[in-house]
Amino acid sequence: MIVGVATGLLVTACAVEAPPTPTPSAPITTSEPTPSEPLPIVDSGALEGAMGTAETDEEGVMRYTVVEGDVGGIVCDRFGRAWWQLDNERNSGGFDCHSMINIGDVVTLTNDKKP
């Protein structure tokens, strides 16, 4: 009888259990990003490397006139813009990462999306 109980325990202990049945999860939903309003163009004030004058016309377009000592990246910082958000009226086009600004250039600040 002891042998029979021991054999029964041995067989029971070696039994392979079936893996649990997976429960279906809730479907994953993705949402489209909500387009945000463009940030307003704000002049943080003249600083070394961006000492030119800024003017806003009747339509709300802000323009900046480049003066001696101005640096493109600092002009961008002054207005919270990136290089692609500047248009140069002198050459009727936008900037790229190789663009230069010259004394007297009039730069239009934009809310353009990154190219």
PDB file of N, CA and C in Angstrom:
ATOM      1  N   MET A   1       0.810  -1.169   0.000  1.00  0.00           N
ATOM      2  CA  MET A   1       0.000   0.000   0.000  1.00  0.00           C
ATOM      3  C   MET A   1       0.871   1.257   0.000  1.00  0.00           C
ATOM      4  N   ILE A   2       1.953   1.262   0.725  1.00  0.00           N
ATOM      5  CA  ILE A   2       2.864   2.406   0.727  1.00  0.00           C
ATOM      6  C   ILE A   2       3.452   2.594  -0.662  1.00  0.00           C
ATOM      7  N   VAL A   3       3.766   1.506  -1.339  1.00  0.00           N
ATOM      8  CA  VAL A   3       4.309   1.592  -2.692  1.00  0.00           C
ATOM      9  C   VAL A   3       3.269   2.196  -3.617  1.00  0.00           C
ATOM     10  N   GLY A   4       2.012   1.814  -3.487  1.00  0.00           N
ATOM     11  CA  GLY A   4       0.946   2.338  -4.349  1.00  0.00           C
ATOM     12  C   GLY A   4       0.743   3.830  -4.146  1.00  0.00           C
ATOM     13  N   VAL A   5       0.779   4.313  -2.914  1.00  0.00           N
ATOM     14  CA  VAL A   5       0.614   5.741  -2.630  1.00  0.00           C
ATOM     15  C   VAL A   5       1.810   6.512  -3.168  1.00  0.00           C
ATOM     16  N   ALA A   6       3.008   5.977  -2.972  1.00  0.00           N
ATOM     17  CA  ALA A   6       4.220   6.639  -3.453  1.00  0.00           C
ATOM     18  C   ALA A   6       4.208   6.726  -4.969  1.00  0.00           C
ATOM     19  N   THR A   7       3.769   5.660  -5.644  1.00  0.00           N
ATOM     20  CA  THR A   7       3.696   5.671  -7.101  1.00  0.00           C
ATOM     21  C   THR A   7       2.660   6.676  -7.557  1.00  0.00           C
ATOM     22  N   GLY A   8       1.535   6.741  -6.871  1.00  0.00           N
ATOM     23  CA  GLY A   8       0.487   7.704  -7.228  1.00  0.00           C
ATOM     24  C   GLY A   8       0.971   9.139  -7.079  1.00  0.00           C
ATOM     25  N   LEU A   9       1.725   9.436  -6.033  1.00  0.00           N
ATOM     26  CA  LEU A   9       2.271  10.775  -5.843  1.00  0.00           C
ATOM     27  C   LEU A   9       3.303  11.096  -6.913  1.00  0.00           C
ATOM     28  N   LEU A  10       4.126  10.114  -7.236  1.00  0.00           N
ATOM     29  CA  LEU A  10       5.160  10.307  -8.240  1.00  0.00           C
ATOM     30  C   LEU A  10       4.540  10.602  -9.593  1.00  0.00           C
ATOM     31  N   VAL A  11       3.512   9.886  -9.982  1.00  0.00           N
ATOM     32  CA  VAL A  11       2.855  10.087 -11.269  1.00  0.00           C
ATOM     33  C   VAL A  11       2.136  11.434 -11.274  1.00  0.00           C
ATOM     34  N   THR A  12       1.485  11.789 -10.183  1.00  0.00           N
ATOM     35  CA  THR A  12       0.767  13.054 -10.117  1.00  0.00           C
ATOM     36  C   THR A  12       1.737  14.224 -10.190  1.00  0.00           C
ATOM     37  N   ALA A  13       2.862  14.133  -9.544  1.00  0.00           N
ATOM     38  CA  ALA A  13       3.836  15.211  -9.528  1.00  0.00           C
ATOM     39  C   ALA A  13       4.462  15.418 -10.900  1.00  0.00           C
ATOM     40  N   CYS A  14       4.512  14.403 -11.745  1.00  0.00           N
ATOM     41  CA  CYS A  14       5.134  14.503 -13.058  1.00  0.00           C
ATOM     42  C   CYS A  14       4.153  14.888 -14.151  1.00  0.00           C
ATOM     43  N   ALA A  15       2.883  15.029 -13.813  1.00  0.00           N
ATOM     44  CA  ALA A  15       1.900  15.338 -14.851  1.00  0.00           C
ATOM     45  C   ALA A  15       2.172  16.732 -15.418  1.00  0.00           C
ATOM     46  N   VAL A  16       2.066  16.880 -16.738  1.00  0.00           N
ATOM     47  CA  VAL A  16       2.283  18.158 -17.410  1.00  0.00           C
ATOM     48  C   VAL A  16       0.960  18.909 -17.447  1.00  0.00           C
ATOM     49  N   GLU A  17       0.990  20.120 -16.971  1.00  0.00           N
ATOM     50  CA  GLU A  17      -0.219  20.927 -16.990  1.00  0.00           C
ATOM     51  C   GLU A  17      -0.286  21.699 -18.303  1.00  0.00           C
ATOM     52  N   ALA A  18      -1.490  21.843 -18.801  1.00  0.00           N
ATOM     53  CA  ALA A  18      -1.680  22.616 -20.032  1.00  0.00           C
ATOM     54  C   ALA A  18      -1.482  24.094 -19.712  1.00  0.00           C
ATOM     55  N   PRO A  19      -0.909  24.852 -20.649  1.00  0.00           N
ATOM     56  CA  PRO A  19      -0.735  26.291 -20.387  1.00  0.00           C
ATOM     57  C   PRO A  19      -2.100  26.965 -20.289  1.00  0.00           C
ATOM     58  N   PRO A  20      -2.180  28.020 -19.526  1.00  0.00           N
ATOM     59  CA  PRO A  20      -3.473  28.693 -19.385  1.00  0.00           C
ATOM     60  C   PRO A  20      -3.925  29.268 -20.726  1.00  0.00           C
ATOM     61  N   THR A  21      -5.211  29.281 -20.922  1.00  0.00           N
ATOM     62  CA  THR A  21      -5.774  29.839 -22.151  1.00  0.00           C
ATOM     63  C   THR A  21      -5.636  31.356 -22.091  1.00  0.00           C
ATOM     64  N   PRO A  22      -5.012  31.947 -23.113  1.00  0.00           N
ATOM     65  CA  PRO A  22      -4.846  33.410 -23.062  1.00  0.00           C
ATOM     66  C   PRO A  22      -6.195  34.108 -23.201  1.00  0.00           C
ATOM     67  N   THR A  23      -6.337  35.173 -22.454  1.00  0.00           N
ATOM     68  CA  THR A  23      -7.566  35.949 -22.556  1.00  0.00           C
ATOM     69  C   THR A  23      -7.326  37.086 -23.542  1.00  0.00           C
ATOM     70  N   PRO A  24      -8.280  37.314 -24.410  1.00  0.00           N
ATOM     71  CA  PRO A  24      -8.082  38.385 -25.392  1.00  0.00           C
ATOM     72  C   PRO A  24      -8.011  39.737 -24.692  1.00  0.00           C
ATOM     73  N   SER A  25      -7.083  40.556 -25.147  1.00  0.00           N
ATOM     74  CA  SER A  25      -6.955  41.889 -24.555  1.00  0.00           C
ATOM     75  C   SER A  25      -7.798  42.875 -25.352  1.00  0.00           C
ATOM     76  N   ALA A  26      -8.012  44.002 -24.754  1.00  0.00           N
ATOM     77  CA  ALA A  26      -8.789  45.048 -25.431  1.00  0.00           C
ATOM     78  C   ALA A  26      -8.006  45.521 -26.647  1.00  0.00           C
ATOM     79  N   PRO A  27      -8.694  45.864 -27.715  1.00  0.00           N
ATOM     80  CA  PRO A  27      -7.985  46.330 -28.907  1.00  0.00           C
ATOM     81  C   PRO A  27      -7.217  47.612 -28.603  1.00  0.00           C
ATOM     82  N   ILE A  28      -6.054  47.724 -29.201  1.00  0.00           N
ATOM     83  CA  ILE A  28      -5.222  48.907 -29.006  1.00  0.00           C
ATOM     84  C   ILE A  28      -5.707  49.986 -29.965  1.00  0.00           C
ATOM     85  N   THR A  29      -5.991  51.118 -29.407  1.00  0.00           N
ATOM     86  CA  THR A  29      -6.432  52.222 -30.252  1.00  0.00           C
ATOM     87  C   THR A  29      -5.321  53.257 -30.319  1.00  0.00           C
ATOM     88  N   THR A  30      -5.133  53.793 -31.494  1.00  0.00           N
ATOM     89  CA  THR A  30      -4.155  54.862 -31.654  1.00  0.00           C
ATOM     90  C   THR A  30      -4.904  56.109 -32.080  1.00  0.00           C
ATOM     91  N   SER A  31      -4.391  57.214 -31.669  1.00  0.00           N
ATOM     92  CA  SER A  31      -5.045  58.463 -32.048  1.00  0.00           C
ATOM     93  C   SER A  31      -4.076  59.308 -32.858  1.00  0.00           C
ATOM     94  N   GLU A  32      -4.634  60.072 -33.732  1.00  0.00           N
ATOM     95  CA  GLU A  32      -3.829  60.989 -34.527  1.00  0.00           C
ATOM     96  C   GLU A  32      -3.421  62.148 -33.624  1.00  0.00           C
ATOM     97  N   PRO A  33      -2.198  62.650 -33.800  1.00  0.00           N
ATOM     98  CA  PRO A  33      -1.820  63.803 -32.980  1.00  0.00           C
ATOM     99  C   PRO A  33      -2.713  65.002 -33.305  1.00  0.00           C
ATOM    100  N   THR A  34      -3.059  65.706 -32.277  1.00  0.00           N
ATOM    101  CA  THR A  34      -3.884  66.889 -32.467  1.00  0.00           C
ATOM    102  C   THR A  34      -2.995  68.019 -32.960  1.00  0.00           C
ATOM    103  N   PRO A  35      -3.332  68.593 -34.112  1.00  0.00           N
ATOM    104  CA  PRO A  35      -2.488  69.686 -34.590  1.00  0.00           C
ATOM    105  C   PRO A  35      -2.545  70.850 -33.613  1.00  0.00           C
ATOM    106  N   SER A  36      -1.393  71.387 -33.313  1.00  0.00           N
ATOM    107  CA  SER A  36      -1.354  72.496 -32.375  1.00  0.00           C
ATOM    108  C   SER A  36      -1.293  73.813 -33.140  1.00  0.00           C
ATOM    109  N   GLU A  37      -1.765  74.816 -32.483  1.00  0.00           N
ATOM    110  CA  GLU A  37      -1.705  76.151 -33.073  1.00  0.00           C
ATOM    111  C   GLU A  37      -0.239  76.578 -33.115  1.00  0.00           C
ATOM    112  N   PRO A  38       0.151  77.296 -34.162  1.00  0.00           N
ATOM    113  CA  PRO A  38       1.534  77.762 -34.206  1.00  0.00           C
ATOM    114  C   PRO A  38       1.804  78.716 -33.046  1.00  0.00           C
ATOM    115  N   LEU A  39       3.013  78.655 -32.541  1.00  0.00           N
ATOM    116  CA  LEU A  39       3.395  79.544 -31.453  1.00  0.00           C
ATOM    117  C   LEU A  39       3.454  80.975 -31.965  1.00  0.00           C
ATOM    118  N   PRO A  40       3.007  81.919 -31.164  1.00  0.00           N
ATOM    119  CA  PRO A  40       3.088  83.308 -31.606  1.00  0.00           C
ATOM    120  C   PRO A  40       4.547  83.735 -31.718  1.00  0.00           C
ATOM    121  N   ILE A  41       4.794  84.644 -32.634  1.00  0.00           N
ATOM    122  CA  ILE A  41       6.147  85.168 -32.798  1.00  0.00           C
ATOM    123  C   ILE A  41       6.299  86.317 -31.809  1.00  0.00           C
ATOM    124  N   VAL A  42       7.242  86.153 -30.892  1.00  0.00           N
ATOM    125  CA  VAL A  42       7.446  87.141 -29.839  1.00  0.00           C
ATOM    126  C   VAL A  42       8.885  87.633 -29.900  1.00  0.00           C
ATOM    127  N   ASP A  43       9.052  88.938 -29.878  1.00  0.00           N
ATOM    128  CA  ASP A  43      10.380  89.551 -29.854  1.00  0.00           C
ATOM    129  C   ASP A  43      10.835  89.624 -28.404  1.00  0.00           C
ATOM    130  N   SER A  44      11.889  88.884 -28.071  1.00  0.00           N
ATOM    131  CA  SER A  44      12.385  88.887 -26.695  1.00  0.00           C
ATOM    132  C   SER A  44      13.307  90.073 -26.424  1.00  0.00           C
ATOM    133  N   GLY A  45      13.520  90.908 -27.437  1.00  0.00           N
ATOM    134  CA  GLY A  45      14.325  92.115 -27.243  1.00  0.00           C
ATOM    135  C   GLY A  45      15.714  91.981 -27.835  1.00  0.00           C
ATOM    136  N   ALA A  46      16.299  93.136 -28.100  1.00  0.00           N
ATOM    137  CA  ALA A  46      17.633  93.176 -28.703  1.00  0.00           C
ATOM    138  C   ALA A  46      18.664  92.547 -27.767  1.00  0.00           C
ATOM    139  N   LEU A  47      19.585  91.816 -28.368  1.00  0.00           N
ATOM    140  CA  LEU A  47      20.694  91.234 -27.627  1.00  0.00           C
ATOM    141  C   LEU A  47      21.890  91.154 -28.568  1.00  0.00           C
ATOM    142  N   GLU A  48      23.065  91.008 -28.006  1.00  0.00           N
ATOM    143  CA  GLU A  48      24.269  90.954 -28.831  1.00  0.00           C
ATOM    144  C   GLU A  48      24.132  89.842 -29.867  1.00  0.00           C
ATOM    145  N   GLY A  49      24.291  90.219 -31.136  1.00  0.00           N
ATOM    146  CA  GLY A  49      24.128  89.268 -32.231  1.00  0.00           C
ATOM    147  C   GLY A  49      22.762  89.349 -32.887  1.00  0.00           C
ATOM    148  N   ALA A  50      21.870  90.166 -32.302  1.00  0.00           N
ATOM    149  CA  ALA A  50      20.530  90.384 -32.870  1.00  0.00           C
ATOM    150  C   ALA A  50      20.041  91.758 -32.411  1.00  0.00           C
ATOM    151  N   MET A  51      20.754  92.799 -32.857  1.00  0.00           N
ATOM    152  CA  MET A  51      20.485  94.165 -32.406  1.00  0.00           C
ATOM    153  C   MET A  51      19.608  94.964 -33.365  1.00  0.00           C
ATOM    154  N   GLY A  52      19.161  94.357 -34.458  1.00  0.00           N
ATOM    155  CA  GLY A  52      18.348  95.075 -35.437  1.00  0.00           C
ATOM    156  C   GLY A  52      16.969  95.423 -34.910  1.00  0.00           C
ATOM    157  N   THR A  53      16.209  96.094 -35.772  1.00  0.00           N
ATOM    158  CA  THR A  53      14.860  96.509 -35.381  1.00  0.00           C
ATOM    159  C   THR A  53      13.823  95.536 -35.925  1.00  0.00           C
ATOM    160  N   ALA A  54      12.773  95.356 -35.151  1.00  0.00           N
ATOM    161  CA  ALA A  54      11.660  94.493 -35.562  1.00  0.00           C
ATOM    162  C   ALA A  54      10.408  95.350 -35.648  1.00  0.00           C
ATOM    163  N   GLU A  55       9.630  95.104 -36.688  1.00  0.00           N
ATOM    164  CA  GLU A  55       8.376  95.829 -36.871  1.00  0.00           C
ATOM    165  C   GLU A  55       7.298  94.847 -37.296  1.00  0.00           C
ATOM    166  N   THR A  56       6.085  95.100 -36.833  1.00  0.00           N
ATOM    167  CA  THR A  56       4.931  94.290 -37.229  1.00  0.00           C
ATOM    168  C   THR A  56       4.007  95.176 -38.051  1.00  0.00           C
ATOM    169  N   ASP A  57       3.620  94.692 -39.233  1.00  0.00           N
ATOM    170  CA  ASP A  57       2.740  95.498 -40.091  1.00  0.00           C
ATOM    171  C   ASP A  57       1.276  95.312 -39.701  1.00  0.00           C
ATOM    172  N   GLU A  58       0.384  95.983 -40.451  1.00  0.00           N
ATOM    173  CA  GLU A  58      -1.051  95.953 -40.148  1.00  0.00           C
ATOM    174  C   GLU A  58      -1.635  94.547 -40.218  1.00  0.00           C
ATOM    175  N   GLU A  59      -1.031  93.684 -41.023  1.00  0.00           N
ATOM    176  CA  GLU A  59      -1.531  92.316 -41.183  1.00  0.00           C
ATOM    177  C   GLU A  59      -0.947  91.352 -40.146  1.00  0.00           C
ATOM    178  N   GLY A  60      -0.095  91.856 -39.256  1.00  0.00           N
ATOM    179  CA  GLY A  60       0.491  91.021 -38.218  1.00  0.00           C
ATOM    180  C   GLY A  60       1.781  90.332 -38.622  1.00  0.00           C
ATOM    181  N   VAL A  61       2.330  90.679 -39.797  1.00  0.00           N
ATOM    182  CA  VAL A  61       3.585  90.074 -40.259  1.00  0.00           C
ATOM    183  C   VAL A  61       4.746  90.812 -39.599  1.00  0.00           C
ATOM    184  N   MET A  62       5.639  90.051 -38.963  1.00  0.00           N
ATOM    185  CA  MET A  62       6.786  90.656 -38.298  1.00  0.00           C
ATOM    186  C   MET A  62       8.004  90.575 -39.205  1.00  0.00           C
ATOM    187  N   ARG A  63       8.705  91.713 -39.315  1.00  0.00           N
ATOM    188  CA  ARG A  63       9.925  91.788 -40.119  1.00  0.00           C
ATOM    189  C   ARG A  63      11.054  92.321 -39.253  1.00  0.00           C
ATOM    190  N   TYR A  64      12.238  91.846 -39.555  1.00  0.00           N
ATOM    191  CA  TYR A  64      13.434  92.221 -38.808  1.00  0.00           C
ATOM    192  C   TYR A  64      14.467  92.744 -39.795  1.00  0.00           C
ATOM    193  N   THR A  65      15.084  93.893 -39.478  1.00  0.00           N
ATOM    194  CA  THR A  65      16.127  94.459 -40.327  1.00  0.00           C
ATOM    195  C   THR A  65      17.484  94.161 -39.705  1.00  0.00           C
ATOM    196  N   VAL A  66      18.339  93.510 -40.489  1.00  0.00           N
ATOM    197  CA  VAL A  66      19.658  93.062 -40.037  1.00  0.00           C
ATOM    198  C   VAL A  66      20.605  94.256 -39.931  1.00  0.00           C
ATOM    199  N   VAL A  67      21.370  94.294 -38.837  1.00  0.00           N
ATOM    200  CA  VAL A  67      22.389  95.329 -38.635  1.00  0.00           C
ATOM    201  C   VAL A  67      23.751  94.670 -38.468  1.00  0.00           C
ATOM    202  N   GLU A  68      24.795  95.499 -38.488  1.00  0.00           N
ATOM    203  CA  GLU A  68      26.159  94.995 -38.341  1.00  0.00           C
ATOM    204  C   GLU A  68      26.295  94.210 -37.033  1.00  0.00           C
ATOM    205  N   GLY A  69      26.926  93.049 -37.116  1.00  0.00           N
ATOM    206  CA  GLY A  69      27.155  92.208 -35.944  1.00  0.00           C
ATOM    207  C   GLY A  69      26.084  91.154 -35.713  1.00  0.00           C
ATOM    208  N   ASP A  70      25.007  91.198 -36.486  1.00  0.00           N
ATOM    209  CA  ASP A  70      23.945  90.197 -36.312  1.00  0.00           C
ATOM    210  C   ASP A  70      24.412  88.821 -36.779  1.00  0.00           C
ATOM    211  N   VAL A  71      23.935  87.809 -36.099  1.00  0.00           N
ATOM    212  CA  VAL A  71      24.234  86.412 -36.411  1.00  0.00           C
ATOM    213  C   VAL A  71      22.892  85.704 -36.602  1.00  0.00           C
ATOM    214  N   GLY A  72      22.751  84.967 -37.713  1.00  0.00           N
ATOM    215  CA  GLY A  72      21.480  84.329 -38.045  1.00  0.00           C
ATOM    216  C   GLY A  72      20.886  83.515 -36.911  1.00  0.00           C
ATOM    217  N   GLY A  73      21.691  82.672 -36.273  1.00  0.00           N
ATOM    218  CA  GLY A  73      21.182  81.818 -35.202  1.00  0.00           C
ATOM    219  C   GLY A  73      20.687  82.609 -34.005  1.00  0.00           C
ATOM    220  N   ILE A  74      21.351  83.728 -33.718  1.00  0.00           N
ATOM    221  CA  ILE A  74      20.925  84.550 -32.577  1.00  0.00           C
ATOM    222  C   ILE A  74      19.649  85.316 -32.926  1.00  0.00           C
ATOM    223  N   VAL A  75      19.530  85.742 -34.190  1.00  0.00           N
ATOM    224  CA  VAL A  75      18.274  86.367 -34.622  1.00  0.00           C
ATOM    225  C   VAL A  75      17.132  85.362 -34.441  1.00  0.00           C
ATOM    226  N   CYS A  76      17.358  84.114 -34.836  1.00  0.00           N
ATOM    227  CA  CYS A  76      16.338  83.068 -34.639  1.00  0.00           C
ATOM    228  C   CYS A  76      15.972  82.948 -33.162  1.00  0.00           C
ATOM    229  N   ASP A  77      16.985  82.897 -32.297  1.00  0.00           N
ATOM    230  CA  ASP A  77      16.737  82.766 -30.858  1.00  0.00           C
ATOM    231  C   ASP A  77      15.923  83.941 -30.317  1.00  0.00           C
ATOM    232  N   ARG A  78      16.240  85.143 -30.786  1.00  0.00           N
ATOM    233  CA  ARG A  78      15.533  86.345 -30.300  1.00  0.00           C
ATOM    234  C   ARG A  78      14.027  86.222 -30.501  1.00  0.00           C
ATOM    235  N   PHE A  79      13.615  85.567 -31.584  1.00  0.00           N
ATOM    236  CA  PHE A  79      12.193  85.459 -31.906  1.00  0.00           C
ATOM    237  C   PHE A  79      11.626  84.053 -31.694  1.00  0.00           C
ATOM    238  N   GLY A  80      12.421  83.138 -31.161  1.00  0.00           N
ATOM    239  CA  GLY A  80      11.936  81.774 -30.931  1.00  0.00           C
ATOM    240  C   GLY A  80      11.641  81.040 -32.224  1.00  0.00           C
ATOM    241  N   ARG A  81      12.421  81.287 -33.243  1.00  0.00           N
ATOM    242  CA  ARG A  81      12.235  80.686 -34.564  1.00  0.00           C
ATOM    243  C   ARG A  81      13.408  79.779 -34.891  1.00  0.00           C
ATOM    244  N   ALA A  82      13.201  78.899 -35.861  1.00  0.00           N
ATOM    245  CA  ALA A  82      14.268  78.071 -36.425  1.00  0.00           C
ATOM    246  C   ALA A  82      14.643  78.672 -37.778  1.00  0.00           C
ATOM    247  N   TRP A  83      15.787  78.275 -38.321  1.00  0.00           N
ATOM    248  CA  TRP A  83      16.267  78.888 -39.575  1.00  0.00           C
ATOM    249  C   TRP A  83      15.263  78.778 -40.708  1.00  0.00           C
ATOM    250  N   TRP A  84      14.473  77.706 -40.749  1.00  0.00           N
ATOM    251  CA  TRP A  84      13.513  77.558 -41.845  1.00  0.00           C
ATOM    252  C   TRP A  84      12.285  78.460 -41.651  1.00  0.00           C
ATOM    253  N   GLN A  85      12.218  79.159 -40.526  1.00  0.00           N
ATOM    254  CA  GLN A  85      11.092  80.051 -40.271  1.00  0.00           C
ATOM    255  C   GLN A  85      11.450  81.517 -40.531  1.00  0.00           C
ATOM    256  N   LEU A  86      12.513  81.724 -41.315  1.00  0.00           N
ATOM    257  CA  LEU A  86      12.912  83.059 -41.741  1.00  0.00           C
ATOM    258  C   LEU A  86      12.848  83.115 -43.254  1.00  0.00           C
ATOM    259  N   ASP A  87      12.292  84.185 -43.768  1.00  0.00           N
ATOM    260  CA  ASP A  87      12.299  84.435 -45.210  1.00  0.00           C
ATOM    261  C   ASP A  87      13.067  85.723 -45.444  1.00  0.00           C
ATOM    262  N   ASN A  88      13.932  85.714 -46.447  1.00  0.00           N
ATOM    263  CA  ASN A  88      14.725  86.882 -46.771  1.00  0.00           C
ATOM    264  C   ASN A  88      14.083  87.591 -47.955  1.00  0.00           C
ATOM    265  N   GLU A  89      13.618  88.807 -47.731  1.00  0.00           N
ATOM    266  CA  GLU A  89      12.941  89.550 -48.795  1.00  0.00           C
ATOM    267  C   GLU A  89      13.884  89.904 -49.941  1.00  0.00           C
ATOM    268  N   ARG A  90      15.184  90.024 -49.656  1.00  0.00           N
ATOM    269  CA  ARG A  90      16.153  90.394 -50.691  1.00  0.00           C
ATOM    270  C   ARG A  90      16.205  89.359 -51.799  1.00  0.00           C
ATOM    271  N   ASN A  91      16.155  88.082 -51.424  1.00  0.00           N
ATOM    272  CA  ASN A  91      16.250  87.043 -52.454  1.00  0.00           C
ATOM    273  C   ASN A  91      14.935  86.295 -52.658  1.00  0.00           C
ATOM    274  N   SER A  92      13.851  86.825 -52.114  1.00  0.00           N
ATOM    275  CA  SER A  92      12.507  86.244 -52.293  1.00  0.00           C
ATOM    276  C   SER A  92      12.465  84.756 -51.989  1.00  0.00           C
ATOM    277  N   GLY A  93      13.098  84.372 -50.928  1.00  0.00           N
ATOM    278  CA  GLY A  93      13.061  82.956 -50.603  1.00  0.00           C
ATOM    279  C   GLY A  93      13.406  82.689 -49.156  1.00  0.00           C
ATOM    280  N   GLY A  94      13.257  81.448 -48.801  1.00  0.00           N
ATOM    281  CA  GLY A  94      13.544  81.030 -47.442  1.00  0.00           C
ATOM    282  C   GLY A  94      15.017  80.784 -47.222  1.00  0.00           C
ATOM    283  N   PHE A  95      15.349  80.563 -46.003  1.00  0.00           N
ATOM    284  CA  PHE A  95      16.714  80.256 -45.616  1.00  0.00           C
ATOM    285  C   PHE A  95      16.922  78.754 -45.675  1.00  0.00           C
ATOM    286  N   ASP A  96      18.169  78.369 -45.779  1.00  0.00           N
ATOM    287  CA  ASP A  96      18.542  76.988 -45.516  1.00  0.00           C
ATOM    288  C   ASP A  96      19.719  77.051 -44.558  1.00  0.00           C
ATOM    289  N   CYS A  97      20.262  75.916 -44.212  1.00  0.00           N
ATOM    290  CA  CYS A  97      21.310  75.907 -43.188  1.00  0.00           C
ATOM    291  C   CYS A  97      22.610  76.558 -43.660  1.00  0.00           C
ATOM    292  N   HIS A  98      22.710  76.934 -44.926  1.00  0.00           N
ATOM    293  CA  HIS A  98      23.914  77.587 -45.447  1.00  0.00           C
ATOM    294  C   HIS A  98      23.684  79.068 -45.726  1.00  0.00           C
ATOM    295  N   SER A  99      22.507  79.587 -45.437  1.00  0.00           N
ATOM    296  CA  SER A  99      22.173  80.974 -45.744  1.00  0.00           C
ATOM    297  C   SER A  99      22.951  81.939 -44.864  1.00  0.00           C
ATOM    298  N   MET A 100      23.192  83.104 -45.424  1.00  0.00           N
ATOM    299  CA  MET A 100      23.860  84.173 -44.689  1.00  0.00           C
ATOM    300  C   MET A 100      22.934  85.375 -44.650  1.00  0.00           C
ATOM    301  N   ILE A 101      23.083  86.175 -43.604  1.00  0.00           N
ATOM    302  CA  ILE A 101      22.350  87.433 -43.553  1.00  0.00           C
ATOM    303  C   ILE A 101      23.359  88.553 -43.743  1.00  0.00           C
ATOM    304  N   ASN A 102      22.903  89.619 -44.369  1.00  0.00           N
ATOM    305  CA  ASN A 102      23.766  90.760 -44.643  1.00  0.00           C
ATOM    306  C   ASN A 102      23.135  92.017 -44.072  1.00  0.00           C
ATOM    307  N   ILE A 103      23.977  92.984 -43.753  1.00  0.00           N
ATOM    308  CA  ILE A 103      23.494  94.251 -43.221  1.00  0.00           C
ATOM    309  C   ILE A 103      22.457  94.822 -44.184  1.00  0.00           C
ATOM    310  N   GLY A 104      21.329  95.207 -43.646  1.00  0.00           N
ATOM    311  CA  GLY A 104      20.258  95.793 -44.443  1.00  0.00           C
ATOM    312  C   GLY A 104      19.215  94.793 -44.918  1.00  0.00           C
ATOM    313  N   ASP A 105      19.505  93.492 -44.833  1.00  0.00           N
ATOM    314  CA  ASP A 105      18.499  92.490 -45.214  1.00  0.00           C
ATOM    315  C   ASP A 105      17.256  92.659 -44.341  1.00  0.00           C
ATOM    316  N   VAL A 106      16.104  92.474 -44.948  1.00  0.00           N
ATOM    317  CA  VAL A 106      14.846  92.468 -44.202  1.00  0.00           C
ATOM    318  C   VAL A 106      14.366  91.024 -44.177  1.00  0.00           C
ATOM    319  N   VAL A 107      14.237  90.498 -42.984  1.00  0.00           N
ATOM    320  CA  VAL A 107      13.880  89.098 -42.782  1.00  0.00           C
ATOM    321  C   VAL A 107      12.448  89.034 -42.261  1.00  0.00           C
ATOM    322  N   THR A 108      11.628  88.202 -42.890  1.00  0.00           N
ATOM    323  CA  THR A 108      10.255  87.991 -42.432  1.00  0.00           C
ATOM    324  C   THR A 108      10.229  86.740 -41.566  1.00  0.00           C
ATOM    325  N   LEU A 109       9.629  86.861 -40.390  1.00  0.00           N
ATOM    326  CA  LEU A 109       9.533  85.739 -39.453  1.00  0.00           C
ATOM    327  C   LEU A 109       8.237  84.996 -39.729  1.00  0.00           C
ATOM    328  N   THR A 110       8.302  83.661 -39.792  1.00  0.00           N
ATOM    329  CA  THR A 110       7.136  82.856 -40.163  1.00  0.00           C
ATOM    330  C   THR A 110       6.857  81.759 -39.141  1.00  0.00           C
ATOM    331  N   ASN A 111       5.743  81.080 -39.333  1.00  0.00           N
ATOM    332  CA  ASN A 111       5.389  79.879 -38.570  1.00  0.00           C
ATOM    333  C   ASN A 111       5.489  78.645 -39.451  1.00  0.00           C
ATOM    334  N   ASP A 112       6.329  78.695 -40.480  1.00  0.00           N
ATOM    335  CA  ASP A 112       6.457  77.567 -41.405  1.00  0.00           C
ATOM    336  C   ASP A 112       6.798  76.280 -40.666  1.00  0.00           C
ATOM    337  N   LYS A 113       6.272  75.166 -41.176  1.00  0.00           N
ATOM    338  CA  LYS A 113       6.598  73.842 -40.636  1.00  0.00           C
ATOM    339  C   LYS A 113       7.983  73.444 -41.117  1.00  0.00           C
ATOM    340  N   LYS A 114       8.623  72.555 -40.376  1.00  0.00           N
ATOM    341  CA  LYS A 114       9.961  72.096 -40.754  1.00  0.00           C
ATOM    342  C   LYS A 114       9.898  71.399 -42.111  1.00  0.00           C
ATOM    343  N   PRO A 115      10.823  71.770 -43.026  1.00  0.00           N
ATOM    344  CA  PRO A 115      10.800  71.143 -44.365  1.00  0.00           C
ATOM    345  C   PRO A 115      11.207  69.691 -44.334  1.00  0.00           C
TER     346      PRO A 115
END
